[in-house]
Amino acid sequence: MNLIQLVDINDHPIGLADKTIAHRQGLLHRAISVIIYNTDGHMLLQQRAADKYHSPLLWTNAACTHPLPTEAPIDAAHRRLQEEMGIACTLQHQYSFVYKAILDNNMIEHEYDHVFIGITNQLPDINEAEVADYKYLAPEHIALQLQQSPEWFTAWFKIIFEKTHQSTTHELAP
């Protein structure tokens, strides 16, 4: 059983649930998302592996996961960035948000998502069980792809990109 932390709308823990049950029932749970830029201001995207339990082969941010029940979000962000992309770098918490999205395979994402951002020129060494491919793209190119082909991207990435691109584009200039 893979337990995740259920939370209330203020991110206060209210219990644990099996990850699959939480996603089938749309229970609000804690998550993290990691955004990585290189020093040219390009964002690292990953294509989720083909056998992911939801959103397979869709493009998304560098890493994401559910913190372990006793794990701090920042620790989960570092762990998952290393597990998925083979990258270790300084991360800073940028913001948190709640969203709910109906996904494929009868899954519902209802997450209190903590978003972390890092800057590194380290190239990924992907974990092929988690990641099918990766690429660095300029934010303007991502915005165009999101407009032209939103079905290529995960539900949470669409929200994260809009929030992150609006709030950090100028801050991340080298």
Protein backbone atom coordinates (compact mmCIF):
# COMPACT_ATOMS: atom_id res chain seq x y z
CA MET A 1 0.00 0.00 0.00
CA ASN A 2 1.34 3.40 -0.98
CA LEU A 3 0.06 5.91 1.60
CA ILE A 4 -0.21 9.64 0.95
CA GLN A 5 -1.05 12.53 3.28
CA LEU A 6 -4.64 13.80 3.10
CA VAL A 7 -4.96 17.49 3.96
CA ASP A 8 -7.62 20.13 4.44
CA ILE A 9 -7.85 23.29 2.33
CA ASN A 10 -5.17 24.90 4.57
CA ASP A 11 -2.71 22.00 4.11
CA HIS A 12 -3.27 20.65 7.63
CA PRO A 13 -2.92 16.85 7.76
CA ILE A 14 -6.22 15.06 8.33
CA GLY A 15 -5.22 11.44 7.70
CA LEU A 16 -3.64 8.99 5.30
CA ALA A 17 -5.04 7.15 2.30
CA ASP A 18 -3.83 4.70 -0.28
CA LYS A 19 -2.65 6.68 -3.32
CA THR A 20 -4.95 4.84 -5.74
CA ILE A 21 -8.00 5.27 -3.51
CA ALA A 22 -7.25 8.98 -3.02
CA HIS A 23 -7.06 9.43 -6.80
CA ARG A 24 -10.18 7.38 -7.52
CA GLN A 25 -12.21 9.32 -4.93
CA GLY A 26 -10.67 12.74 -5.57
CA LEU A 27 -9.52 13.19 -1.95
CA LEU A 28 -7.48 16.34 -1.29
CA HIS A 29 -3.85 15.36 -0.69
CA ARG A 30 -0.41 16.95 -0.49
CA ALA A 31 1.86 17.04 -3.54
CA ILE A 32 5.00 18.75 -4.76
CA SER A 33 6.05 19.98 -8.18
CA VAL A 34 9.56 20.99 -9.19
CA ILE A 35 10.35 23.53 -11.90
CA ILE A 36 13.91 23.67 -13.21
CA TYR A 37 15.40 26.38 -15.40
CA ASN A 38 18.86 26.51 -16.90
CA THR A 39 20.84 29.75 -16.84
CA ASP A 40 19.54 30.58 -20.33
CA GLY A 41 16.04 30.78 -18.82
CA HIS A 42 14.83 27.60 -20.54
CA MET A 43 12.49 25.33 -18.57
CA LEU A 44 13.17 21.61 -18.20
CA LEU A 45 10.19 19.49 -19.25
CA GLN A 46 9.83 15.78 -18.82
CA GLN A 47 7.62 13.40 -20.74
CA ARG A 48 6.03 10.97 -18.31
CA ALA A 49 6.79 7.28 -18.87
CA ALA A 50 4.34 5.24 -20.93
CA ASP A 51 3.34 3.01 -18.02
CA LYS A 52 2.43 5.74 -15.50
CA TYR A 53 -0.92 5.06 -13.81
CA HIS A 54 -2.30 8.32 -15.18
CA SER A 55 -1.24 10.94 -17.72
CA PRO A 56 1.25 8.64 -19.52
CA LEU A 57 3.48 10.23 -22.17
CA LEU A 58 2.24 13.73 -21.37
CA TRP A 59 4.74 16.58 -20.94
CA THR A 60 5.08 18.17 -17.52
CA ASN A 61 7.44 19.92 -15.12
CA ALA A 62 10.82 18.45 -14.15
CA ALA A 63 9.52 16.35 -11.25
CA CYS A 64 6.47 15.79 -9.09
CA THR A 65 5.33 13.43 -6.35
CA HIS A 66 3.44 13.04 -3.12
CA PRO A 67 5.56 13.55 0.00
CA LEU A 68 5.83 10.51 2.21
CA PRO A 69 3.53 10.82 5.25
CA THR A 70 6.29 12.19 7.51
CA GLU A 71 8.36 13.93 4.80
CA ALA A 72 8.58 17.71 4.47
CA PRO A 73 7.62 19.01 1.02
CA ILE A 74 11.11 20.42 0.35
CA ASP A 75 12.66 17.03 1.15
CA ALA A 76 10.20 15.32 -1.21
CA ALA A 77 11.08 17.84 -3.92
CA HIS A 78 14.82 17.11 -3.61
CA ARG A 79 14.22 13.35 -3.43
CA ARG A 80 11.97 13.22 -6.46
CA LEU A 81 14.12 15.50 -8.62
CA GLN A 82 17.02 13.12 -7.97
CA GLU A 83 14.89 9.96 -8.51
CA GLU A 84 13.29 11.11 -11.75
CA MET A 85 15.91 13.32 -13.38
CA GLY A 86 19.18 12.53 -11.58
CA ILE A 87 19.54 16.21 -10.67
CA ALA A 88 20.55 17.75 -7.35
CA CYS A 89 20.35 21.53 -6.98
CA THR A 90 19.14 24.24 -4.63
CA LEU A 91 15.36 24.55 -4.62
CA GLN A 92 13.20 27.37 -3.29
CA HIS A 93 9.52 27.20 -2.44
CA GLN A 94 7.67 29.61 -4.74
CA TYR A 95 3.98 29.12 -3.96
CA SER A 96 1.27 26.56 -3.24
CA PHE A 97 -2.13 26.08 -4.81
CA VAL A 98 -5.09 23.71 -4.78
CA TYR A 99 -6.55 22.23 -7.93
CA LYS A 100 -8.89 19.45 -8.99
CA ALA A 101 -8.80 17.78 -12.40
CA ILE A 102 -10.46 14.74 -13.94
CA LEU A 103 -7.80 12.55 -15.55
CA ASP A 104 -7.62 9.42 -17.64
CA ASN A 105 -8.07 5.92 -16.14
CA ASN A 106 -10.91 7.16 -13.88
CA MET A 107 -8.48 9.18 -11.78
CA ILE A 108 -9.07 12.54 -10.11
CA GLU A 109 -6.20 14.78 -9.07
CA HIS A 110 -7.20 16.92 -6.10
CA GLU A 111 -3.98 18.30 -4.74
CA TYR A 112 -2.54 20.87 -2.43
CA ASP A 113 0.56 21.37 -4.55
CA HIS A 114 3.77 22.96 -3.24
CA VAL A 115 5.83 24.33 -6.14
CA PHE A 116 9.62 24.57 -5.91
CA ILE A 117 11.98 26.21 -8.40
CA GLY A 118 15.67 25.65 -9.06
CA ILE A 119 18.27 26.82 -11.57
CA THR A 120 20.96 24.47 -12.84
CA ASN A 121 22.83 23.59 -16.01
CA GLN A 122 23.19 19.97 -14.90
CA LEU A 123 21.87 17.70 -17.64
CA PRO A 124 19.31 15.09 -16.60
CA ASP A 125 20.17 11.42 -16.20
CA ILE A 126 16.59 10.19 -16.48
CA ASN A 127 15.04 7.25 -14.68
CA GLU A 128 13.37 5.46 -17.59
CA ALA A 129 10.78 3.86 -15.28
CA GLU A 130 9.48 7.38 -14.58
CA VAL A 131 10.50 9.52 -17.56
CA ALA A 132 10.26 8.78 -21.31
CA ASP A 133 12.09 11.88 -22.53
CA TYR A 134 13.08 15.43 -21.61
CA LYS A 135 13.76 18.75 -23.25
CA TYR A 136 14.61 22.34 -22.35
CA LEU A 137 12.36 24.94 -23.96
CA ALA A 138 12.10 28.72 -23.79
CA PRO A 139 8.97 29.80 -21.90
CA GLU A 140 7.63 31.51 -25.03
CA HIS A 141 7.83 28.22 -26.93
CA ILE A 142 6.08 26.35 -24.13
CA ALA A 143 3.33 28.99 -24.07
CA LEU A 144 2.82 28.52 -27.80
CA GLN A 145 2.68 24.72 -27.50
CA LEU A 146 0.22 24.98 -24.62
CA GLN A 147 -1.99 27.20 -26.76
CA GLN A 148 -1.77 25.02 -29.87
CA SER A 149 -1.77 21.53 -28.30
CA PRO A 150 -2.89 21.61 -24.65
CA GLU A 151 -3.62 17.87 -24.79
CA TRP A 152 0.15 17.21 -24.85
CA PHE A 153 0.52 18.45 -21.25
CA THR A 154 -0.54 17.33 -17.79
CA ALA A 155 -3.43 19.09 -16.07
CA TRP A 156 -1.24 20.43 -13.25
CA PHE A 157 1.50 21.66 -15.57
CA LYS A 158 -0.92 23.92 -17.41
CA ILE A 159 -1.70 25.67 -14.10
CA ILE A 160 1.89 25.68 -12.88
CA PHE A 161 3.27 27.09 -16.12
CA GLU A 162 0.83 29.98 -16.11
CA LYS A 163 1.52 30.81 -12.45
CA THR A 164 5.29 30.29 -12.69
CA HIS A 165 5.85 32.03 -15.99
CA GLN A 166 3.90 35.09 -14.86
CA SER A 167 5.68 35.34 -11.52
CA THR A 168 9.29 34.36 -12.30
CA THR A 169 10.25 35.18 -15.87
CA HIS A 170 12.09 38.37 -14.93
CA GLU A 171 13.49 37.00 -11.67
CA LEU A 172 15.25 34.14 -13.45
CA ALA A 173 17.12 36.17 -16.01
CA PRO A 174 20.85 35.40 -15.64
